C-alpha atoms as a PDB file:
ATOM      1  CA  MET A   1     135.328  -4.839 -18.556  1.00  0.00           C
ATOM      2  CA  ARG A   2     137.900  -7.077 -17.029  1.00  0.00           C
ATOM      3  CA  HIS A   3     140.090  -7.519 -20.254  1.00  0.00           C
ATOM      4  CA  GLY A   4     143.771  -8.699 -19.027  1.00  0.00           C
ATOM      5  CA  LYS A   5     142.874  -8.754 -15.122  1.00  0.00           C
ATOM      6  CA  LYS A   6     144.069 -12.125 -14.353  1.00  0.00           C
ATOM      7  CA  PHE A   7     144.366 -12.366 -10.658  1.00  0.00           C
ATOM      8  CA  ASN A   8     141.791 -13.121  -8.177  1.00  0.00           C
ATOM      9  CA  HIS A   9     139.987  -9.917  -7.073  1.00  0.00           C
ATOM     10  CA  LEU A  10     138.532 -12.182  -3.975  1.00  0.00           C
ATOM     11  CA  GLY A  11     135.415 -10.079  -4.205  1.00  0.00           C
ATOM     12  CA  ARG A  12     137.327  -7.234  -2.046  1.00  0.00           C
ATOM     13  CA  THR A  13     138.809  -3.658  -2.647  1.00  0.00           C
ATOM     14  CA  ALA A  14     142.638  -3.741  -2.871  1.00  0.00           C
ATOM     15  CA  SER A  15     143.375  -2.254   0.207  1.00  0.00           C
ATOM     16  CA  HIS A  16     141.164  -4.793   1.877  1.00  0.00           C
ATOM     17  CA  ARG A  17     142.649  -7.599  -0.280  1.00  0.00           C
ATOM     18  CA  LYS A  18     146.305  -6.645   0.375  1.00  0.00           C
ATOM     19  CA  ALA A  19     145.452  -6.136   4.167  1.00  0.00           C
ATOM     20  CA  MET A  20     144.067  -9.450   4.250  1.00  0.00           C
ATOM     21  CA  LEU A  21     146.966 -11.082   2.473  1.00  0.00           C
ATOM     22  CA  SER A  22     149.696  -9.449   4.512  1.00  0.00           C
ATOM     23  CA  ASN A  23     147.522 -10.918   7.505  1.00  0.00           C
ATOM     24  CA  MET A  24     147.416 -14.350   5.829  1.00  0.00           C
ATOM     25  CA  ALA A  25     150.756 -14.664   4.929  1.00  0.00           C
ATOM     26  CA  THR A  26     151.950 -13.192   8.882  1.00  0.00           C
ATOM     27  CA  SER A  27     149.668 -16.056   9.965  1.00  0.00           C
ATOM     28  CA  LEU A  28     151.295 -18.605   7.757  1.00  0.00           C
ATOM     29  CA  ILE A  29     154.752 -17.492   8.746  1.00  0.00           C
ATOM     30  CA  THR A  30     154.349 -17.542  12.897  1.00  0.00           C
ATOM     31  CA  HIS A  31     151.942 -20.686  12.887  1.00  0.00           C
ATOM     32  CA  LYS A  32     153.427 -22.944   9.992  1.00  0.00           C
ATOM     33  CA  ARG A  33     149.834 -23.832   9.058  1.00  0.00           C
ATOM     34  CA  ILE A  34     146.605 -22.011   8.469  1.00  0.00           C
ATOM     35  CA  ASN A  35     143.008 -22.889   7.561  1.00  0.00           C
ATOM     36  CA  THR A  36     141.349 -20.810   4.466  1.00  0.00           C
ATOM     37  CA  THR A  37     139.371 -21.322   1.504  1.00  0.00           C
ATOM     38  CA  VAL A  38     141.013 -22.850  -1.634  1.00  0.00           C
ATOM     39  CA  ALA A  39     140.837 -19.294  -3.678  1.00  0.00           C
ATOM     40  CA  LYS A  40     142.200 -17.375  -0.474  1.00  0.00           C
ATOM     41  CA  ALA A  41     145.144 -20.418  -0.451  1.00  0.00           C
ATOM     42  CA  LYS A  42     145.947 -19.734  -4.200  1.00  0.00           C
ATOM     43  CA  GLU A  43     146.261 -15.966  -4.109  1.00  0.00           C
ATOM     44  CA  LEU A  44     148.126 -16.840  -1.267  1.00  0.00           C
ATOM     45  CA  LYS A  45     150.700 -18.894  -2.579  1.00  0.00           C
ATOM     46  CA  LYS A  46     151.439 -15.808  -5.105  1.00  0.00           C
ATOM     47  CA  TYR A  47     151.980 -13.719  -2.164  1.00  0.00           C
ATOM     48  CA  VAL A  48     154.372 -15.291  -0.090  1.00  0.00           C
ATOM     49  CA  GLU A  49     156.433 -17.929  -1.772  1.00  0.00           C
ATOM     50  CA  PRO A  50     157.932 -14.584  -3.544  1.00  0.00           C
ATOM     51  CA  LEU A  51     158.928 -13.593   0.225  1.00  0.00           C
ATOM     52  CA  VAL A  52     160.055 -16.899   1.317  1.00  0.00           C
ATOM     53  CA  THR A  53     162.728 -16.634  -1.775  1.00  0.00           C
ATOM     54  CA  ARG A  54     163.514 -13.224  -0.890  1.00  0.00           C
ATOM     55  CA  SER A  55     164.413 -14.471   3.104  1.00  0.00           C
ATOM     56  CA  LYS A  56     167.002 -16.717   1.801  1.00  0.00           C
ATOM     57  CA  VAL A  57     169.855 -13.754   0.996  1.00  0.00           C
ATOM     58  CA  ASP A  58     169.500 -12.418   4.563  1.00  0.00           C
ATOM     59  CA  SER A  59     170.588  -8.339   3.497  1.00  0.00           C
ATOM     60  CA  THR A  60     168.724  -5.090   5.299  1.00  0.00           C
ATOM     61  CA  HIS A  61     167.394  -4.483   1.505  1.00  0.00           C
ATOM     62  CA  ASN A  62     165.296  -7.755   1.841  1.00  0.00           C
ATOM     63  CA  ARG A  63     164.471  -7.037   5.081  1.00  0.00           C
ATOM     64  CA  ARG A  64     162.832  -4.355   4.389  1.00  0.00           C
ATOM     65  CA  MET A  65     161.406  -5.252   1.523  1.00  0.00           C
ATOM     66  CA  VAL A  66     159.969  -7.939   2.825  1.00  0.00           C
ATOM     67  CA  PHE A  67     158.601  -6.238   5.773  1.00  0.00           C
ATOM     68  CA  SER A  68     156.807  -3.564   3.394  1.00  0.00           C
ATOM     69  CA  TYR A  69     154.800  -6.547   2.208  1.00  0.00           C
ATOM     70  CA  LEU A  70     153.840  -8.435   6.174  1.00  0.00           C
ATOM     71  CA  GLN A  71     153.898  -5.247   8.265  1.00  0.00           C
ATOM     72  CA  ASP A  72     155.197  -7.147  11.563  1.00  0.00           C
ATOM     73  CA  LYS A  73     158.454  -7.376  12.484  1.00  0.00           C
ATOM     74  CA  TYR A  74     158.714 -10.325  14.269  1.00  0.00           C
ATOM     75  CA  ALA A  75     156.972 -12.551  11.148  1.00  0.00           C
ATOM     76  CA  VAL A  76     159.861 -10.765   9.313  1.00  0.00           C
ATOM     77  CA  THR A  77     162.586 -12.180  12.208  1.00  0.00           C
ATOM     78  CA  GLU A  78     160.804 -15.733  11.919  1.00  0.00           C
ATOM     79  CA  LEU A  79     161.175 -15.680   8.217  1.00  0.00           C
ATOM     80  CA  PHE A  80     164.849 -14.834   8.213  1.00  0.00           C
ATOM     81  CA  SER A  81     165.791 -16.536  11.178  1.00  0.00           C
ATOM     82  CA  GLU A  82     163.823 -20.143  11.265  1.00  0.00           C
ATOM     83  CA  VAL A  83     162.219 -20.421   7.647  1.00  0.00           C
ATOM     84  CA  ALA A  84     164.739 -19.272   5.681  1.00  0.00           C
ATOM     85  CA  VAL A  85     166.937 -22.098   7.413  1.00  0.00           C
ATOM     86  CA  LYS A  86     164.661 -24.967   6.694  1.00  0.00           C
ATOM     87  CA  VAL A  87     163.828 -24.074   2.673  1.00  0.00           C
ATOM     88  CA  GLY A  88     167.521 -22.705   2.132  1.00  0.00           C
ATOM     89  CA  ASP A  89     167.842 -25.760  -0.428  1.00  0.00           C
ATOM     90  CA  ARG A  90     164.960 -25.683  -1.729  1.00  0.00           C
ATOM     91  CA  PRO A  91     164.462 -24.314  -5.426  1.00  0.00           C
ATOM     92  CA  GLY A  92     160.783 -23.435  -4.872  1.00  0.00           C
ATOM     93  CA  GLY A  93     157.498 -24.660  -3.591  1.00  0.00           C
ATOM     94  CA  TYR A  94     157.358 -23.823  -0.353  1.00  0.00           C
ATOM     95  CA  THR A  95     154.124 -23.930   0.444  1.00  0.00           C
ATOM     96  CA  ARG A  96     151.333 -27.001   0.145  1.00  0.00           C
ATOM     97  CA  ILE A  97     147.263 -26.773   0.022  1.00  0.00           C
ATOM     98  CA  ILE A  98     145.261 -29.873   1.023  1.00  0.00           C
ATOM     99  CA  LYS A  99     141.724 -29.857   0.116  1.00  0.00           C
ATOM    100  CA  THR A 100     139.659 -30.667   3.400  1.00  0.00           C
ATOM    101  CA  GLY A 101     136.311 -30.462   1.676  1.00  0.00           C
ATOM    102  CA  ASN A 102     133.289 -27.945   2.292  1.00  0.00           C
ATOM    103  CA  ARG A 103     132.404 -25.814   4.777  1.00  0.00           C
ATOM    104  CA  LEU A 104     129.216 -26.430   6.364  1.00  0.00           C
ATOM    105  CA  GLY A 105     127.510 -22.784   6.618  1.00  0.00           C
ATOM    106  CA  ASP A 106     127.772 -21.941   2.558  1.00  0.00           C
ATOM    107  CA  ASN A 107     129.705 -24.958   1.301  1.00  0.00           C
ATOM    108  CA  ALA A 108     132.844 -22.625   0.486  1.00  0.00           C
ATOM    109  CA  ASP A 109     135.711 -25.207  -0.836  1.00  0.00           C
ATOM    110  CA  MET A 110     137.958 -25.184   2.093  1.00  0.00           C
ATOM    111  CA  CYS A 111     141.642 -26.189   2.572  1.00  0.00           C
ATOM    112  CA  MET A 112     144.655 -26.414   5.079  1.00  0.00           C
ATOM    113  CA  MET A 113     147.854 -24.569   3.658  1.00  0.00           C
ATOM    114  CA  GLU A 114     150.920 -25.099   5.217  1.00  0.00           C
ATOM    115  CA  LEU A 115     154.666 -24.648   4.788  1.00  0.00           C
ATOM    116  CA  VAL A 116     155.951 -27.988   3.256  1.00  0.00           C
ATOM    117  CA  ASP A 117     159.125 -28.203   5.229  1.00  0.00           C
ATOM    118  CA  TYR A 118     157.094 -28.019   8.805  1.00  0.00           C
ATOM    119  CA  ASN A 119     154.738 -31.317   8.302  1.00  0.00           C
ATOM    120  CA  GLU A 120     155.721 -33.887  10.792  1.00  0.00           C
ATOM    121  CA  ILE A 121     153.134 -36.268   9.056  1.00  0.00           C
ATOM    122  CA  TYR A 122     154.301 -36.819   5.642  1.00  0.00           C
ATOM    123  CA  GLY A 123     156.805 -35.852   2.824  1.00  0.00           C
ATOM    124  CA  ASN A 124     159.563 -36.708   5.490  1.00  0.00           C
ATOM    125  CA  GLU A 125     160.314 -39.910   5.020  1.00  0.00           C
ATOM    126  CA  LYS A 126     163.445 -40.788   3.319  1.00  0.00           C
ATOM    127  CA  LYS A 127     163.280 -43.018  -0.066  1.00  0.00           C
ATOM    128  CA  GLU A 128     165.771 -45.755  -0.578  1.00  0.00           C
ATOM    129  CA  ALA A 129     167.840 -45.969  -3.059  1.00  0.00           C
ATOM    130  CA  LYS A 130     167.046 -49.017  -5.021  1.00  0.00           C
ATOM    131  CA  LYS A 131     169.424 -51.750  -5.028  1.00  0.00           C
ATOM    132  CA  SER A 132     170.514 -52.477  -8.271  1.00  0.00           C
ATOM    133  CA  THR A 133     170.984 -56.784  -8.736  1.00  0.00           C
ATOM    134  CA  ARG A 134     172.671 -58.088 -11.596  1.00  0.00           C
ATOM    135  CA  ARG A 135     171.672 -61.763 -12.831  1.00  0.00           C
ATOM    136  CA  GLY A 136     174.891 -62.805 -12.324  1.00  0.00           C
ATOM    137  CA  LYS A 137     175.266 -62.446  -8.573  1.00  0.00           C
ATOM    138  CA  LYS A 138     173.823 -64.934  -6.395  1.00  0.00           C
ATOM    139  CA  THR A 139     174.082 -63.483  -3.360  1.00  0.00           C
ATOM    140  CA  ALA A 140     170.594 -62.132  -3.113  1.00  0.00           C
ATOM    141  CA  ALA A 141     169.191 -65.850  -4.306  1.00  0.00           C
ATOM    142  CA  PRO A 142     170.004 -68.303  -1.421  1.00  0.00           C
ATOM    143  CA  ALA A 143     168.434 -65.924   1.166  1.00  0.00           C
ATOM    144  CA  SER A 144     165.547 -65.702  -0.293  1.00  0.00           C
ATOM    145  CA  GLU A 145     165.524 -69.590  -0.941  1.00  0.00           C
ATOM    146  CA  ALA A 146     166.105 -70.575   2.788  1.00  0.00           C
ATOM    147  CA  THR A 147     163.531 -68.583   3.806  1.00  0.00           C
ATOM    148  CA  LYS A 148     160.991 -69.887   1.396  1.00  0.00           C
ATOM    149  CA  VAL A 149     162.267 -73.677   2.464  1.00  0.00           C
ATOM    150  CA  GLU A 150     161.610 -72.663   6.107  1.00  0.00           C
ATOM    151  CA  ALA A 151     157.639 -70.909   5.827  1.00  0.00           C
ATOM    152  CA  PRO A 152     156.311 -73.989   4.193  1.00  0.00           C
ATOM    153  CA  GLU A 153     157.444 -76.701   7.221  1.00  0.00           C
ATOM    154  CA  ALA A 154     155.784 -74.274   9.649  1.00  0.00           C
ATOM    155  CA  VAL A 155     152.615 -74.416   7.990  1.00  0.00           C
ATOM    156  CA  VAL A 156     152.595 -78.053   7.299  1.00  0.00           C
ATOM    157  CA  GLU A 157     152.896 -78.734  10.767  1.00  0.00           C
ATOM    158  CA  GLU A 158     150.330 -76.325  11.766  1.00  0.00           C
ATOM    159  CA  SER A 159     148.140 -78.279   9.116  1.00  0.00           C
ATOM    160  CA  THR A 160     148.514 -81.617  10.332  1.00  0.00           C
ATOM    161  CA  GLU A 161     147.932 -80.784  13.868  1.00  0.00           C
ATOM    162  CA  ALA A 162     144.489 -78.684  12.996  1.00  0.00           C
ATOM    163  CA  SER A 163     143.820 -81.968  10.437  1.00  0.00           C
ATOM    164  CA  VAL A 164     144.212 -84.562  13.840  1.00  0.00           C
ATOM    165  CA  ASP A 165     142.539 -82.074  15.929  1.00  0.00           C
ATOM    166  CA  ALA A 166     139.147 -81.905  13.597  1.00  0.00           C
ATOM    167  CA  PRO A 167     138.081 -85.294  12.715  1.00  0.00           C
ATOM    168  CA  VAL A 168     138.374 -86.471  16.468  1.00  0.00           C
ATOM    169  CA  GLU A 169     135.699 -83.741  17.249  1.00  0.00           C
ATOM    170  CA  ASN A 170     133.718 -84.324  14.474  1.00  0.00           C
ATOM    171  CA  ASN A 171     133.691 -88.212  15.771  1.00  0.00           C
ATOM    172  CA  GLU A 172     132.834 -87.211  18.911  1.00  0.00           C
ATOM    173  CA  ASN A 173     129.753 -85.165  18.046  1.00  0.00           C
ATOM    174  CA  GLU A 174     128.583 -88.087  15.250  1.00  0.00           C
ATOM    175  CA  ALA A 175     128.797 -90.827  18.503  1.00  0.00           C
ATOM    176  CA  GLU A 176     126.331 -88.486  20.519  1.00  0.00           C
END
């Protein structure tokens, strides 16, 4: 029975699962983005996030602990030098899982897992602080009124030209 066994075994033995997660974590750290199944990504998230948290404090002990999980000194160096610098102020949530649909062969639910601060597509835009306006201020109102006044004049001029041209064409067609 599996009472009290809460993590996903992913259909593998303990040694195979440990090696697979170590290799996937190394790939994620070196390439910053990997494609995998959703089930593996959820387990990898639990595996990688504590390692990234350890990398924030660069000490010999933390390097050795991370190396015991990753077994790749180049990945450990990159984690402590590049990744830790980018995520230094983030309190957690270093990875993102984006679902990409189902795999063609076996219809497995696929996703793209990436480190959050390394995405150029979204998440990097700065949110503007809302400008608080009070009812008593008149600075914003005249600017908006000026734009409102100019816009209808331009529309009126274009519409009169179009209406003048349109009847002339209709008269010629009726005469023929």
